[in-house]
Amino acid sequence: MDETPLFLVRETLIVALKIAAPVLLAGVVVGLVISLLQSVTSIQDQTLTFVPKIAAMLLVAAFLIPWIAVKLMDYAAWLFTMV
């Protein structure tokens, strides 16, 4: 049985996780900080976390666009050499 498709899918998922991890980590950190602030100040507004998390994730994504583009181009070049 040829394991190439399985290997390609695994590598694709790894690249996707590497690209998404910093953006998701920023959302988690901002969410944790806001959650701590909410518990300290007793503000229990559910919608308070959305705007800062989205803003932080957009800022991180915008800052990392060059790195993401390089990762995707490297993966595409590697993929074309595999096929």
PDB file of N, CA and C in Angstrom:
ATOM      1  N   MET A   1       0.841  -1.179   0.000  1.00  0.00           N
ATOM      2  CA  MET A   1       0.000   0.000   0.000  1.00  0.00           C
ATOM      3  C   MET A   1       0.890   1.249   0.000  1.00  0.00           C
ATOM      4  N   ASP A   2       0.527   2.197  -0.832  1.00  0.00           N
ATOM      5  CA  ASP A   2       1.299   3.428  -0.956  1.00  0.00           C
ATOM      6  C   ASP A   2       0.920   4.388   0.171  1.00  0.00           C
ATOM      7  N   GLU A   3       1.899   4.836   0.915  1.00  0.00           N
ATOM      8  CA  GLU A   3       1.643   5.723   2.053  1.00  0.00           C
ATOM      9  C   GLU A   3       1.824   7.198   1.704  1.00  0.00           C
ATOM     10  N   THR A   4       2.055   7.515   0.455  1.00  0.00           N
ATOM     11  CA  THR A   4       2.273   8.902   0.051  1.00  0.00           C
ATOM     12  C   THR A   4       1.074   9.804   0.334  1.00  0.00           C
ATOM     13  N   PRO A   5      -0.157   9.410  -0.001  1.00  0.00           N
ATOM     14  CA  PRO A   5      -1.294  10.304   0.310  1.00  0.00           C
ATOM     15  C   PRO A   5      -1.429  10.573   1.807  1.00  0.00           C
ATOM     16  N   LEU A   6      -1.224   9.553   2.605  1.00  0.00           N
ATOM     17  CA  LEU A   6      -1.304   9.729   4.047  1.00  0.00           C
ATOM     18  C   LEU A   6      -0.219  10.677   4.541  1.00  0.00           C
ATOM     19  N   PHE A   7       0.981  10.543   4.007  1.00  0.00           N
ATOM     20  CA  PHE A   7       2.087  11.419   4.370  1.00  0.00           C
ATOM     21  C   PHE A   7       1.793  12.867   3.961  1.00  0.00           C
ATOM     22  N   LEU A   8       1.234  13.059   2.753  1.00  0.00           N
ATOM     23  CA  LEU A   8       0.919  14.407   2.279  1.00  0.00           C
ATOM     24  C   LEU A   8      -0.171  15.068   3.131  1.00  0.00           C
ATOM     25  N   VAL A   9      -1.177  14.300   3.513  1.00  0.00           N
ATOM     26  CA  VAL A   9      -2.242  14.845   4.358  1.00  0.00           C
ATOM     27  C   VAL A   9      -1.683  15.221   5.721  1.00  0.00           C
ATOM     28  N   ARG A  10      -0.822  14.381   6.267  1.00  0.00           N
ATOM     29  CA  ARG A  10      -0.226  14.659   7.576  1.00  0.00           C
ATOM     30  C   ARG A  10       0.622  15.935   7.525  1.00  0.00           C
ATOM     31  N   GLU A  11       1.426  16.077   6.482  1.00  0.00           N
ATOM     32  CA  GLU A  11       2.254  17.275   6.342  1.00  0.00           C
ATOM     33  C   GLU A  11       1.405  18.524   6.138  1.00  0.00           C
ATOM     34  N   THR A  12       0.307  18.392   5.397  1.00  0.00           N
ATOM     35  CA  THR A  12      -0.594  19.525   5.194  1.00  0.00           C
ATOM     36  C   THR A  12      -1.208  19.972   6.513  1.00  0.00           C
ATOM     37  N   LEU A  13      -1.637  19.022   7.330  1.00  0.00           N
ATOM     38  CA  LEU A  13      -2.212  19.370   8.620  1.00  0.00           C
ATOM     39  C   LEU A  13      -1.174  19.998   9.546  1.00  0.00           C
ATOM     40  N   ILE A  14       0.052  19.534   9.496  1.00  0.00           N
ATOM     41  CA  ILE A  14       1.113  20.105  10.325  1.00  0.00           C
ATOM     42  C   ILE A  14       1.390  21.549   9.916  1.00  0.00           C
ATOM     43  N   VAL A  15       1.466  21.806   8.617  1.00  0.00           N
ATOM     44  CA  VAL A  15       1.687  23.177   8.140  1.00  0.00           C
ATOM     45  C   VAL A  15       0.518  24.074   8.541  1.00  0.00           C
ATOM     46  N   ALA A  16      -0.700  23.570   8.417  1.00  0.00           N
ATOM     47  CA  ALA A  16      -1.875  24.364   8.800  1.00  0.00           C
ATOM     48  C   ALA A  16      -1.852  24.685  10.292  1.00  0.00           C
ATOM     49  N   LEU A  17      -1.460  23.726  11.116  1.00  0.00           N
ATOM     50  CA  LEU A  17      -1.369  23.973  12.556  1.00  0.00           C
ATOM     51  C   LEU A  17      -0.271  24.978  12.890  1.00  0.00           C
ATOM     52  N   LYS A  18       0.860  24.882  12.202  1.00  0.00           N
ATOM     53  CA  LYS A  18       1.954  25.832  12.447  1.00  0.00           C
ATOM     54  C   LYS A  18       1.541  27.248  12.068  1.00  0.00           C
ATOM     55  N   ILE A  19       0.759  27.377  11.015  1.00  0.00           N
ATOM     56  CA  ILE A  19       0.324  28.705  10.575  1.00  0.00           C
ATOM     57  C   ILE A  19      -0.761  29.258  11.503  1.00  0.00           C
ATOM     58  N   ALA A  20      -1.670  28.414  11.942  1.00  0.00           N
ATOM     59  CA  ALA A  20      -2.791  28.873  12.760  1.00  0.00           C
ATOM     60  C   ALA A  20      -2.424  29.050  14.230  1.00  0.00           C
ATOM     61  N   ALA A  21      -1.389  28.383  14.696  1.00  0.00           N
ATOM     62  CA  ALA A  21      -1.062  28.386  16.125  1.00  0.00           C
ATOM     63  C   ALA A  21      -0.810  29.779  16.706  1.00  0.00           C
ATOM     64  N   PRO A  22       0.002  30.641  16.080  1.00  0.00           N
ATOM     65  CA  PRO A  22       0.226  31.959  16.692  1.00  0.00           C
ATOM     66  C   PRO A  22      -1.041  32.805  16.790  1.00  0.00           C
ATOM     67  N   VAL A  23      -1.886  32.729  15.797  1.00  0.00           N
ATOM     68  CA  VAL A  23      -3.117  33.515  15.805  1.00  0.00           C
ATOM     69  C   VAL A  23      -4.055  32.999  16.897  1.00  0.00           C
ATOM     70  N   LEU A  24      -4.184  31.685  16.987  1.00  0.00           N
ATOM     71  CA  LEU A  24      -5.043  31.110  18.010  1.00  0.00           C
ATOM     72  C   LEU A  24      -4.481  31.345  19.408  1.00  0.00           C
ATOM     73  N   LEU A  25      -3.165  31.287  19.542  1.00  0.00           N
ATOM     74  CA  LEU A  25      -2.532  31.535  20.831  1.00  0.00           C
ATOM     75  C   LEU A  25      -2.787  32.969  21.295  1.00  0.00           C
ATOM     76  N   ALA A  26      -2.750  33.916  20.370  1.00  0.00           N
ATOM     77  CA  ALA A  26      -3.057  35.303  20.724  1.00  0.00           C
ATOM     78  C   ALA A  26      -4.487  35.425  21.235  1.00  0.00           C
ATOM     79  N   GLY A  27      -5.411  34.742  20.590  1.00  0.00           N
ATOM     80  CA  GLY A  27      -6.805  34.764  21.050  1.00  0.00           C
ATOM     81  C   GLY A  27      -6.969  34.150  22.420  1.00  0.00           C
ATOM     82  N   VAL A  28      -6.251  33.064  22.679  1.00  0.00           N
ATOM     83  CA  VAL A  28      -6.337  32.407  23.983  1.00  0.00           C
ATOM     84  C   VAL A  28      -5.761  33.301  25.075  1.00  0.00           C
ATOM     85  N   VAL A  29      -4.608  33.910  24.809  1.00  0.00           N
ATOM     86  CA  VAL A  29      -3.966  34.766  25.814  1.00  0.00           C
ATOM     87  C   VAL A  29      -4.845  35.978  26.126  1.00  0.00           C
ATOM     88  N   VAL A  30      -5.360  36.631  25.095  1.00  0.00           N
ATOM     89  CA  VAL A  30      -6.225  37.798  25.323  1.00  0.00           C
ATOM     90  C   VAL A  30      -7.497  37.374  26.050  1.00  0.00           C
ATOM     91  N   GLY A  31      -8.055  36.250  25.683  1.00  0.00           N
ATOM     92  CA  GLY A  31      -9.249  35.753  26.369  1.00  0.00           C
ATOM     93  C   GLY A  31      -8.983  35.450  27.832  1.00  0.00           C
ATOM     94  N   LEU A  32      -7.810  34.887  28.121  1.00  0.00           N
ATOM     95  CA  LEU A  32      -7.454  34.589  29.509  1.00  0.00           C
ATOM     96  C   LEU A  32      -7.271  35.868  30.327  1.00  0.00           C
ATOM     97  N   VAL A  33      -6.590  36.854  29.741  1.00  0.00           N
ATOM     98  CA  VAL A  33      -6.384  38.126  30.444  1.00  0.00           C
ATOM     99  C   VAL A  33      -7.724  38.811  30.714  1.00  0.00           C
ATOM    100  N   ILE A  34      -8.596  38.839  29.738  1.00  0.00           N
ATOM    101  CA  ILE A  34      -9.903  39.480  29.929  1.00  0.00           C
ATOM    102  C   ILE A  34     -10.740  38.701  30.935  1.00  0.00           C
ATOM    103  N   SER A  35     -10.629  37.394  30.911  1.00  0.00           N
ATOM    104  CA  SER A  35     -11.344  36.572  31.883  1.00  0.00           C
ATOM    105  C   SER A  35     -10.871  36.862  33.298  1.00  0.00           C
ATOM    106  N   LEU A  36      -9.555  37.015  33.474  1.00  0.00           N
ATOM    107  CA  LEU A  36      -9.029  37.362  34.797  1.00  0.00           C
ATOM    108  C   LEU A  36      -9.504  38.742  35.232  1.00  0.00           C
ATOM    109  N   LEU A  37      -9.478  39.698  34.299  1.00  0.00           N
ATOM    110  CA  LEU A  37      -9.967  41.038  34.630  1.00  0.00           C
ATOM    111  C   LEU A  37     -11.451  41.028  34.991  1.00  0.00           C
ATOM    112  N   GLN A  38     -12.226  40.216  34.294  1.00  0.00           N
ATOM    113  CA  GLN A  38     -13.647  40.121  34.598  1.00  0.00           C
ATOM    114  C   GLN A  38     -13.882  39.518  35.977  1.00  0.00           C
ATOM    115  N   SER A  39     -13.097  38.524  36.327  1.00  0.00           N
ATOM    116  CA  SER A  39     -13.295  37.905  37.635  1.00  0.00           C
ATOM    117  C   SER A  39     -12.825  38.819  38.762  1.00  0.00           C
ATOM    118  N   VAL A  40     -11.798  39.628  38.519  1.00  0.00           N
ATOM    119  CA  VAL A  40     -11.315  40.559  39.548  1.00  0.00           C
ATOM    120  C   VAL A  40     -12.301  41.711  39.740  1.00  0.00           C
ATOM    121  N   THR A  41     -12.843  42.217  38.647  1.00  0.00           N
ATOM    122  CA  THR A  41     -13.740  43.375  38.738  1.00  0.00           C
ATOM    123  C   THR A  41     -15.210  42.994  38.841  1.00  0.00           C
ATOM    124  N   SER A  42     -15.522  41.728  38.815  1.00  0.00           N
ATOM    125  CA  SER A  42     -16.902  41.220  38.900  1.00  0.00           C
ATOM    126  C   SER A  42     -17.784  41.698  37.750  1.00  0.00           C
ATOM    127  N   ILE A  43     -17.187  41.999  36.611  1.00  0.00           N
ATOM    128  CA  ILE A  43     -17.951  42.336  35.407  1.00  0.00           C
ATOM    129  C   ILE A  43     -18.217  41.027  34.680  1.00  0.00           C
ATOM    130  N   GLN A  44     -19.462  40.681  34.502  1.00  0.00           N
ATOM    131  CA  GLN A  44     -19.814  39.398  33.894  1.00  0.00           C
ATOM    132  C   GLN A  44     -20.515  39.588  32.546  1.00  0.00           C
ATOM    133  N   ASP A  45     -19.974  40.421  31.710  1.00  0.00           N
ATOM    134  CA  ASP A  45     -20.544  40.652  30.384  1.00  0.00           C
ATOM    135  C   ASP A  45     -19.938  39.637  29.411  1.00  0.00           C
ATOM    136  N   GLN A  46     -20.768  38.816  28.793  1.00  0.00           N
ATOM    137  CA  GLN A  46     -20.298  37.771  27.893  1.00  0.00           C
ATOM    138  C   GLN A  46     -19.683  38.337  26.617  1.00  0.00           C
ATOM    139  N   THR A  47     -20.174  39.488  26.170  1.00  0.00           N
ATOM    140  CA  THR A  47     -19.717  40.034  24.889  1.00  0.00           C
ATOM    141  C   THR A  47     -18.432  40.836  25.010  1.00  0.00           C
ATOM    142  N   LEU A  48     -17.957  41.061  26.210  1.00  0.00           N
ATOM    143  CA  LEU A  48     -16.764  41.869  26.413  1.00  0.00           C
ATOM    144  C   LEU A  48     -15.511  41.224  25.830  1.00  0.00           C
ATOM    145  N   THR A  49     -15.480  39.924  25.745  1.00  0.00           N
ATOM    146  CA  THR A  49     -14.262  39.244  25.284  1.00  0.00           C
ATOM    147  C   THR A  49     -14.128  39.207  23.766  1.00  0.00           C
ATOM    148  N   PHE A  50     -15.220  39.322  23.046  1.00  0.00           N
ATOM    149  CA  PHE A  50     -15.162  39.117  21.598  1.00  0.00           C
ATOM    150  C   PHE A  50     -14.342  40.163  20.858  1.00  0.00           C
ATOM    151  N   VAL A  51     -14.587  41.417  21.101  1.00  0.00           N
ATOM    152  CA  VAL A  51     -13.917  42.479  20.343  1.00  0.00           C
ATOM    153  C   VAL A  51     -12.407  42.472  20.581  1.00  0.00           C
ATOM    154  N   PRO A  52     -11.924  42.427  21.825  1.00  0.00           N
ATOM    155  CA  PRO A  52     -10.472  42.394  22.008  1.00  0.00           C
ATOM    156  C   PRO A  52      -9.814  41.139  21.428  1.00  0.00           C
ATOM    157  N   LYS A  53     -10.489  39.992  21.533  1.00  0.00           N
ATOM    158  CA  LYS A  53      -9.919  38.764  20.965  1.00  0.00           C
ATOM    159  C   LYS A  53      -9.821  38.853  19.455  1.00  0.00           C
ATOM    160  N   ILE A  54     -10.865  39.335  18.825  1.00  0.00           N
ATOM    161  CA  ILE A  54     -10.844  39.464  17.370  1.00  0.00           C
ATOM    162  C   ILE A  54      -9.789  40.471  16.938  1.00  0.00           C
ATOM    163  N   ALA A  55      -9.705  41.595  17.661  1.00  0.00           N
ATOM    164  CA  ALA A  55      -8.708  42.612  17.323  1.00  0.00           C
ATOM    165  C   ALA A  55      -7.289  42.071  17.474  1.00  0.00           C
ATOM    166  N   ALA A  56      -7.037  41.357  18.558  1.00  0.00           N
ATOM    167  CA  ALA A  56      -5.701  40.789  18.778  1.00  0.00           C
ATOM    168  C   ALA A  56      -5.367  39.756  17.711  1.00  0.00           C
ATOM    169  N   MET A  57      -6.320  38.926  17.369  1.00  0.00           N
ATOM    170  CA  MET A  57      -6.070  37.900  16.359  1.00  0.00           C
ATOM    171  C   MET A  57      -5.834  38.524  14.987  1.00  0.00           C
ATOM    172  N   LEU A  58      -6.567  39.571  14.663  1.00  0.00           N
ATOM    173  CA  LEU A  58      -6.350  40.259  13.385  1.00  0.00           C
ATOM    174  C   LEU A  58      -4.987  40.941  13.349  1.00  0.00           C
ATOM    175  N   LEU A  59      -4.586  41.562  14.454  1.00  0.00           N
ATOM    176  CA  LEU A  59      -3.277  42.203  14.509  1.00  0.00           C
ATOM    177  C   LEU A  59      -2.148  41.186  14.359  1.00  0.00           C
ATOM    178  N   VAL A  60      -2.265  40.067  15.043  1.00  0.00           N
ATOM    179  CA  VAL A  60      -1.237  39.028  14.930  1.00  0.00           C
ATOM    180  C   VAL A  60      -1.205  38.472  13.511  1.00  0.00           C
ATOM    181  N   ALA A  61      -2.367  38.227  12.934  1.00  0.00           N
ATOM    182  CA  ALA A  61      -2.415  37.708  11.561  1.00  0.00           C
ATOM    183  C   ALA A  61      -1.816  38.707  10.575  1.00  0.00           C
ATOM    184  N   ALA A  62      -2.130  39.989  10.751  1.00  0.00           N
ATOM    185  CA  ALA A  62      -1.574  41.011   9.848  1.00  0.00           C
ATOM    186  C   ALA A  62      -0.061  41.119  10.016  1.00  0.00           C
ATOM    187  N   PHE A  63       0.417  41.015  11.241  1.00  0.00           N
ATOM    188  CA  PHE A  63       1.850  41.091  11.508  1.00  0.00           C
ATOM    189  C   PHE A  63       2.593  39.885  10.929  1.00  0.00           C
ATOM    190  N   LEU A  64       1.937  38.719  10.916  1.00  0.00           N
ATOM    191  CA  LEU A  64       2.592  37.482  10.473  1.00  0.00           C
ATOM    192  C   LEU A  64       2.336  37.126   9.015  1.00  0.00           C
ATOM    193  N   ILE A  65       1.706  38.010   8.256  1.00  0.00           N
ATOM    194  CA  ILE A  65       1.424  37.707   6.848  1.00  0.00           C
ATOM    195  C   ILE A  65       2.688  37.348   6.064  1.00  0.00           C
ATOM    196  N   PRO A  66       3.794  38.068   6.207  1.00  0.00           N
ATOM    197  CA  PRO A  66       4.997  37.660   5.452  1.00  0.00           C
ATOM    198  C   PRO A  66       5.484  36.255   5.829  1.00  0.00           C
ATOM    199  N   TRP A  67       5.479  35.949   7.120  1.00  0.00           N
ATOM    200  CA  TRP A  67       5.911  34.624   7.576  1.00  0.00           C
ATOM    201  C   TRP A  67       4.970  33.535   7.061  1.00  0.00           C
ATOM    202  N   ILE A  68       3.675  33.801   7.103  1.00  0.00           N
ATOM    203  CA  ILE A  68       2.690  32.836   6.620  1.00  0.00           C
ATOM    204  C   ILE A  68       2.868  32.608   5.124  1.00  0.00           C
ATOM    205  N   ALA A  69       3.100  33.680   4.372  1.00  0.00           N
ATOM    206  CA  ALA A  69       3.293  33.547   2.924  1.00  0.00           C
ATOM    207  C   ALA A  69       4.536  32.724   2.611  1.00  0.00           C
ATOM    208  N   VAL A  70       5.611  32.940   3.349  1.00  0.00           N
ATOM    209  CA  VAL A  70       6.832  32.160   3.125  1.00  0.00           C
ATOM    210  C   VAL A  70       6.589  30.687   3.438  1.00  0.00           C
ATOM    211  N   LYS A  71       5.908  30.412   4.552  1.00  0.00           N
ATOM    212  CA  LYS A  71       5.600  29.018   4.911  1.00  0.00           C
ATOM    213  C   LYS A  71       4.769  28.342   3.824  1.00  0.00           C
ATOM    214  N   LEU A  72       3.762  29.049   3.320  1.00  0.00           N
ATOM    215  CA  LEU A  72       2.905  28.464   2.285  1.00  0.00           C
ATOM    216  C   LEU A  72       3.652  28.263   0.969  1.00  0.00           C
ATOM    217  N   MET A  73       4.527  29.210   0.615  1.00  0.00           N
ATOM    218  CA  MET A  73       5.309  29.046  -0.615  1.00  0.00           C
ATOM    219  C   MET A  73       6.311  27.903  -0.481  1.00  0.00           C
ATOM    220  N   ASP A  74       6.939  27.778   0.684  1.00  0.00           N
ATOM    221  CA  ASP A  74       7.849  26.655   0.913  1.00  0.00           C
ATOM    222  C   ASP A  74       7.114  25.323   0.827  1.00  0.00           C
ATOM    223  N   TYR A  75       5.924  25.277   1.426  1.00  0.00           N
ATOM    224  CA  TYR A  75       5.145  24.043   1.373  1.00  0.00           C
ATOM    225  C   TYR A  75       4.706  23.727  -0.059  1.00  0.00           C
ATOM    226  N   ALA A  76       4.280  24.747  -0.802  1.00  0.00           N
ATOM    227  CA  ALA A  76       3.866  24.518  -2.184  1.00  0.00           C
ATOM    228  C   ALA A  76       5.034  24.035  -3.031  1.00  0.00           C
ATOM    229  N   ALA A  77       6.210  24.629  -2.839  1.00  0.00           N
ATOM    230  CA  ALA A  77       7.395  24.182  -3.590  1.00  0.00           C
ATOM    231  C   ALA A  77       7.741  22.742  -3.225  1.00  0.00           C
ATOM    232  N   TRP A  78       7.682  22.426  -1.933  1.00  0.00           N
ATOM    233  CA  TRP A  78       7.956  21.054  -1.489  1.00  0.00           C
ATOM    234  C   TRP A  78       6.929  20.087  -2.063  1.00  0.00           C
ATOM    235  N   LEU A  79       5.668  20.511  -2.087  1.00  0.00           N
ATOM    236  CA  LEU A  79       4.609  19.654  -2.605  1.00  0.00           C
ATOM    237  C   LEU A  79       4.788  19.378  -4.085  1.00  0.00           C
ATOM    238  N   PHE A  80       5.192  20.392  -4.859  1.00  0.00           N
ATOM    239  CA  PHE A  80       5.417  20.186  -6.287  1.00  0.00           C
ATOM    240  C   PHE A  80       6.612  19.262  -6.546  1.00  0.00           C
ATOM    241  N   THR A  81       7.598  19.293  -5.680  1.00  0.00           N
ATOM    242  CA  THR A  81       8.733  18.374  -5.849  1.00  0.00           C
ATOM    243  C   THR A  81       8.351  16.946  -5.478  1.00  0.00           C
ATOM    244  N   MET A  82       7.367  16.805  -4.573  1.00  0.00           N
ATOM    245  CA  MET A  82       6.913  15.462  -4.176  1.00  0.00           C
ATOM    246  C   MET A  82       6.085  14.814  -5.276  1.00  0.00           C
ATOM    247  N   VAL A  83       5.359  15.620  -6.033  1.00  0.00           N
ATOM    248  CA  VAL A  83       4.478  15.074  -7.078  1.00  0.00           C
ATOM    249  C   VAL A  83       5.285  14.929  -8.314  1.00  0.00           C
TER     250      VAL A  83
END
